[in-house]
């Protein structure tokens, strides 16, 4: 069983990204969403080929390491505000 905060997070994602008719299909049919569906709806940002996850992760991590920390802090704050107060 999920804790309340996890359930709230799932509900927030469903309300924000999934059209009501599609959400009811997922709930009613207990269907899992494919990675392609999640990407198309904007729930995930990247799709990675099987077996390439760690390589892609290292490229993204390297971009963060080489980036400007103040800019990342501003983006993180903006994202958190949008998620929390959307």
N, C-alpha and C. Protein backbone atom coordinates (compact mmCIF):
# COMPACT_ATOMS: atom_id res chain seq x y z
N UNK A 1 0.84 -1.17 0.00
CA UNK A 1 0.00 0.00 0.00
C UNK A 1 0.89 1.25 0.00
N UNK A 2 0.51 2.24 -0.83
CA UNK A 2 1.28 3.48 -0.91
C UNK A 2 0.95 4.39 0.26
N UNK A 3 1.93 5.19 0.67
CA UNK A 3 1.63 6.18 1.70
C UNK A 3 0.87 7.34 1.08
N UNK A 4 0.31 8.18 1.91
CA UNK A 4 -0.56 9.26 1.44
C UNK A 4 0.18 10.22 0.51
N UNK A 5 1.42 10.55 0.82
CA UNK A 5 2.16 11.49 -0.03
C UNK A 5 2.42 10.89 -1.41
N UNK A 6 2.68 9.59 -1.49
CA UNK A 6 2.87 8.94 -2.79
C UNK A 6 1.57 8.94 -3.59
N UNK A 7 0.47 8.66 -2.93
CA UNK A 7 -0.83 8.68 -3.61
C UNK A 7 -1.15 10.08 -4.12
N UNK A 8 -0.86 11.09 -3.31
CA UNK A 8 -1.09 12.48 -3.73
C UNK A 8 -0.23 12.83 -4.93
N UNK A 9 1.00 12.36 -4.95
CA UNK A 9 1.90 12.63 -6.07
C UNK A 9 1.38 12.00 -7.35
N UNK A 10 0.91 10.76 -7.25
CA UNK A 10 0.37 10.07 -8.42
C UNK A 10 -0.87 10.81 -8.92
N UNK A 11 -1.75 11.21 -8.01
CA UNK A 11 -2.95 11.96 -8.41
C UNK A 11 -2.57 13.26 -9.12
N UNK A 12 -1.56 13.94 -8.61
CA UNK A 12 -1.14 15.21 -9.22
C UNK A 12 -0.63 14.99 -10.64
N UNK A 13 0.13 13.93 -10.85
CA UNK A 13 0.63 13.63 -12.20
C UNK A 13 -0.53 13.29 -13.12
N UNK A 14 -1.45 12.48 -12.63
CA UNK A 14 -2.61 12.09 -13.45
C UNK A 14 -3.41 13.32 -13.85
N UNK A 15 -3.72 14.19 -12.89
CA UNK A 15 -4.50 15.40 -13.20
C UNK A 15 -3.78 16.31 -14.18
N UNK A 16 -2.48 16.42 -14.03
CA UNK A 16 -1.72 17.38 -14.84
C UNK A 16 -1.47 16.90 -16.27
N UNK A 17 -1.21 15.62 -16.45
CA UNK A 17 -0.71 15.14 -17.74
C UNK A 17 -1.65 14.22 -18.51
N UNK A 18 -2.57 13.57 -17.84
CA UNK A 18 -3.36 12.54 -18.51
C UNK A 18 -4.79 13.02 -18.70
N UNK A 19 -5.27 13.03 -19.96
CA UNK A 19 -6.66 13.42 -20.19
C UNK A 19 -7.61 12.52 -19.41
N UNK A 20 -8.72 13.09 -18.91
CA UNK A 20 -9.65 12.33 -18.05
C UNK A 20 -10.10 10.99 -18.65
N UNK A 21 -10.42 10.97 -19.95
CA UNK A 21 -10.89 9.71 -20.54
C UNK A 21 -9.79 8.66 -20.56
N UNK A 22 -8.55 9.08 -20.73
CA UNK A 22 -7.43 8.14 -20.72
C UNK A 22 -7.16 7.67 -19.28
N UNK A 23 -7.25 8.59 -18.33
CA UNK A 23 -7.02 8.23 -16.92
C UNK A 23 -8.02 7.20 -16.45
N UNK A 24 -9.28 7.37 -16.83
CA UNK A 24 -10.29 6.41 -16.40
C UNK A 24 -10.02 5.03 -17.00
N UNK A 25 -9.49 5.00 -18.22
CA UNK A 25 -9.13 3.72 -18.84
C UNK A 25 -8.01 3.04 -18.05
N UNK A 26 -7.00 3.80 -17.65
CA UNK A 26 -5.91 3.22 -16.87
C UNK A 26 -6.41 2.69 -15.53
N UNK A 27 -7.26 3.48 -14.87
CA UNK A 27 -7.79 3.03 -13.57
C UNK A 27 -8.70 1.82 -13.72
N UNK A 28 -9.64 1.89 -14.65
CA UNK A 28 -10.64 0.83 -14.80
C UNK A 28 -10.03 -0.48 -15.27
N UNK A 29 -9.06 -0.38 -16.18
CA UNK A 29 -8.48 -1.59 -16.76
C UNK A 29 -7.18 -2.02 -16.06
N UNK A 30 -6.78 -1.23 -15.03
CA UNK A 30 -5.53 -1.51 -14.32
C UNK A 30 -4.37 -1.69 -15.30
N UNK A 31 -4.32 -0.77 -16.27
CA UNK A 31 -3.35 -0.84 -17.36
C UNK A 31 -2.10 -0.05 -17.03
N UNK A 32 -0.96 -0.55 -17.44
CA UNK A 32 0.29 0.17 -17.28
C UNK A 32 0.54 1.05 -18.50
N UNK A 33 1.16 2.19 -18.29
CA UNK A 33 1.48 3.10 -19.37
C UNK A 33 2.85 2.74 -19.94
N UNK A 34 2.95 2.72 -21.24
CA UNK A 34 4.24 2.45 -21.88
C UNK A 34 5.12 3.69 -21.79
N UNK A 35 6.40 3.49 -21.97
CA UNK A 35 7.34 4.60 -21.95
C UNK A 35 7.02 5.58 -23.08
N UNK A 36 6.65 5.07 -24.24
CA UNK A 36 6.32 5.95 -25.37
C UNK A 36 5.09 6.80 -25.06
N UNK A 37 4.08 6.20 -24.43
CA UNK A 37 2.89 6.97 -24.04
C UNK A 37 3.25 8.05 -23.04
N UNK A 38 4.07 7.71 -22.05
CA UNK A 38 4.48 8.67 -21.03
C UNK A 38 5.27 9.82 -21.65
N UNK A 39 6.11 9.51 -22.60
CA UNK A 39 6.90 10.54 -23.28
C UNK A 39 5.99 11.44 -24.12
N UNK A 40 5.07 10.85 -24.82
CA UNK A 40 4.14 11.63 -25.66
C UNK A 40 3.30 12.59 -24.81
N UNK A 41 2.93 12.18 -23.62
CA UNK A 41 2.12 13.01 -22.73
C UNK A 41 2.96 14.02 -21.95
N UNK A 42 4.28 13.90 -22.01
CA UNK A 42 5.15 14.83 -21.31
C UNK A 42 5.45 14.46 -19.87
N UNK A 43 5.16 13.23 -19.51
CA UNK A 43 5.42 12.78 -18.14
C UNK A 43 6.90 12.48 -17.95
N UNK A 44 7.55 11.96 -18.98
CA UNK A 44 9.00 11.73 -18.93
C UNK A 44 9.65 12.55 -20.04
N UNK A 45 10.88 12.95 -19.79
CA UNK A 45 11.57 13.83 -20.72
C UNK A 45 12.41 13.06 -21.73
N UNK A 46 13.00 11.96 -21.30
CA UNK A 46 13.90 11.20 -22.17
C UNK A 46 13.42 9.76 -22.32
N UNK A 47 13.62 9.23 -23.52
CA UNK A 47 13.47 7.80 -23.74
C UNK A 47 14.86 7.27 -24.09
N UNK A 48 15.21 6.15 -23.50
CA UNK A 48 16.55 5.60 -23.68
C UNK A 48 16.41 4.16 -24.16
N UNK A 49 17.21 3.81 -25.14
CA UNK A 49 17.19 2.44 -25.66
C UNK A 49 17.63 1.46 -24.58
N UNK A 50 17.10 0.24 -24.67
CA UNK A 50 17.51 -0.81 -23.73
C UNK A 50 19.03 -0.95 -23.75
N UNK A 51 19.61 -1.08 -22.58
CA UNK A 51 21.04 -1.28 -22.47
C UNK A 51 21.87 -0.01 -22.56
N UNK A 52 21.23 1.14 -22.77
CA UNK A 52 21.97 2.40 -22.91
C UNK A 52 21.70 3.37 -21.76
N UNK A 53 20.97 2.92 -20.75
CA UNK A 53 20.57 3.82 -19.68
C UNK A 53 21.76 4.46 -18.98
N UNK A 54 22.72 3.64 -18.54
CA UNK A 54 23.85 4.19 -17.79
C UNK A 54 24.68 5.14 -18.63
N UNK A 55 24.86 4.83 -19.90
CA UNK A 55 25.60 5.72 -20.81
C UNK A 55 24.89 7.07 -20.94
N UNK A 56 23.59 7.04 -21.16
CA UNK A 56 22.81 8.28 -21.28
C UNK A 56 22.80 9.04 -19.96
N UNK A 57 22.66 8.32 -18.86
CA UNK A 57 22.66 8.95 -17.55
C UNK A 57 23.97 9.68 -17.30
N UNK A 58 25.07 9.08 -17.67
CA UNK A 58 26.37 9.72 -17.48
C UNK A 58 26.49 10.98 -18.34
N UNK A 59 25.93 10.97 -19.53
CA UNK A 59 25.97 12.17 -20.37
C UNK A 59 25.16 13.31 -19.75
N UNK A 60 24.00 12.99 -19.23
CA UNK A 60 23.17 14.01 -18.57
C UNK A 60 23.87 14.51 -17.31
N UNK A 61 24.41 13.59 -16.52
CA UNK A 61 25.12 13.97 -15.29
C UNK A 61 26.31 14.86 -15.61
N UNK A 62 27.04 14.54 -16.67
CA UNK A 62 28.19 15.36 -17.06
C UNK A 62 27.76 16.76 -17.46
N UNK A 63 26.63 16.88 -18.13
CA UNK A 63 26.10 18.20 -18.51
C UNK A 63 25.78 19.01 -17.26
N UNK A 64 25.23 18.36 -16.24
CA UNK A 64 24.94 19.06 -14.99
C UNK A 64 26.23 19.49 -14.29
N UNK A 65 27.22 18.62 -14.28
CA UNK A 65 28.50 18.93 -13.63
C UNK A 65 29.16 20.14 -14.29
N UNK A 66 29.06 20.21 -15.62
CA UNK A 66 29.72 21.28 -16.36
C UNK A 66 28.86 22.55 -16.43
N UNK A 67 27.63 22.47 -15.97
CA UNK A 67 26.71 23.60 -16.08
C UNK A 67 26.90 24.63 -14.99
N UNK A 68 26.10 25.67 -15.07
CA UNK A 68 26.14 26.75 -14.09
C UNK A 68 25.21 26.41 -12.93
N UNK A 69 25.77 26.30 -11.73
CA UNK A 69 25.00 25.86 -10.58
C UNK A 69 23.89 26.84 -10.21
N UNK A 70 24.13 28.13 -10.39
CA UNK A 70 23.09 29.11 -10.06
C UNK A 70 21.89 28.95 -10.99
N UNK A 71 22.15 28.71 -12.26
CA UNK A 71 21.07 28.50 -13.22
C UNK A 71 20.28 27.24 -12.85
N UNK A 72 20.98 26.18 -12.45
CA UNK A 72 20.30 24.96 -12.05
C UNK A 72 19.44 25.19 -10.82
N UNK A 73 19.94 25.98 -9.89
CA UNK A 73 19.17 26.28 -8.69
C UNK A 73 17.88 27.02 -9.05
N UNK A 74 17.97 27.96 -9.98
CA UNK A 74 16.77 28.70 -10.41
C UNK A 74 15.77 27.78 -11.11
N UNK A 75 16.27 26.89 -11.96
CA UNK A 75 15.38 25.95 -12.65
C UNK A 75 14.73 25.02 -11.64
N UNK A 76 15.51 24.50 -10.71
CA UNK A 76 14.96 23.60 -9.69
C UNK A 76 13.87 24.31 -8.89
N UNK A 77 14.11 25.55 -8.52
CA UNK A 77 13.11 26.31 -7.76
C UNK A 77 11.84 26.50 -8.58
N UNK A 78 12.00 26.84 -9.85
CA UNK A 78 10.84 27.05 -10.71
C UNK A 78 10.04 25.76 -10.87
N UNK A 79 10.74 24.65 -11.06
CA UNK A 79 10.06 23.36 -11.21
C UNK A 79 9.34 23.00 -9.93
N UNK A 80 10.01 23.15 -8.79
CA UNK A 80 9.36 22.82 -7.51
C UNK A 80 8.13 23.69 -7.27
N UNK A 81 8.21 24.96 -7.58
CA UNK A 81 7.05 25.83 -7.41
C UNK A 81 5.91 25.42 -8.32
N UNK A 82 6.25 25.04 -9.55
CA UNK A 82 5.22 24.60 -10.50
C UNK A 82 4.57 23.31 -10.03
N UNK A 83 5.37 22.37 -9.57
CA UNK A 83 4.84 21.08 -9.11
C UNK A 83 4.00 21.27 -7.85
N UNK A 84 4.49 22.07 -6.93
CA UNK A 84 3.79 22.24 -5.67
C UNK A 84 2.55 23.12 -5.79
N UNK A 85 2.64 24.17 -6.60
CA UNK A 85 1.56 25.16 -6.63
C UNK A 85 0.89 25.25 -7.99
N UNK A 86 1.42 24.47 -8.99
CA UNK A 86 0.99 24.38 -10.35
C UNK A 86 -0.20 25.07 -10.75
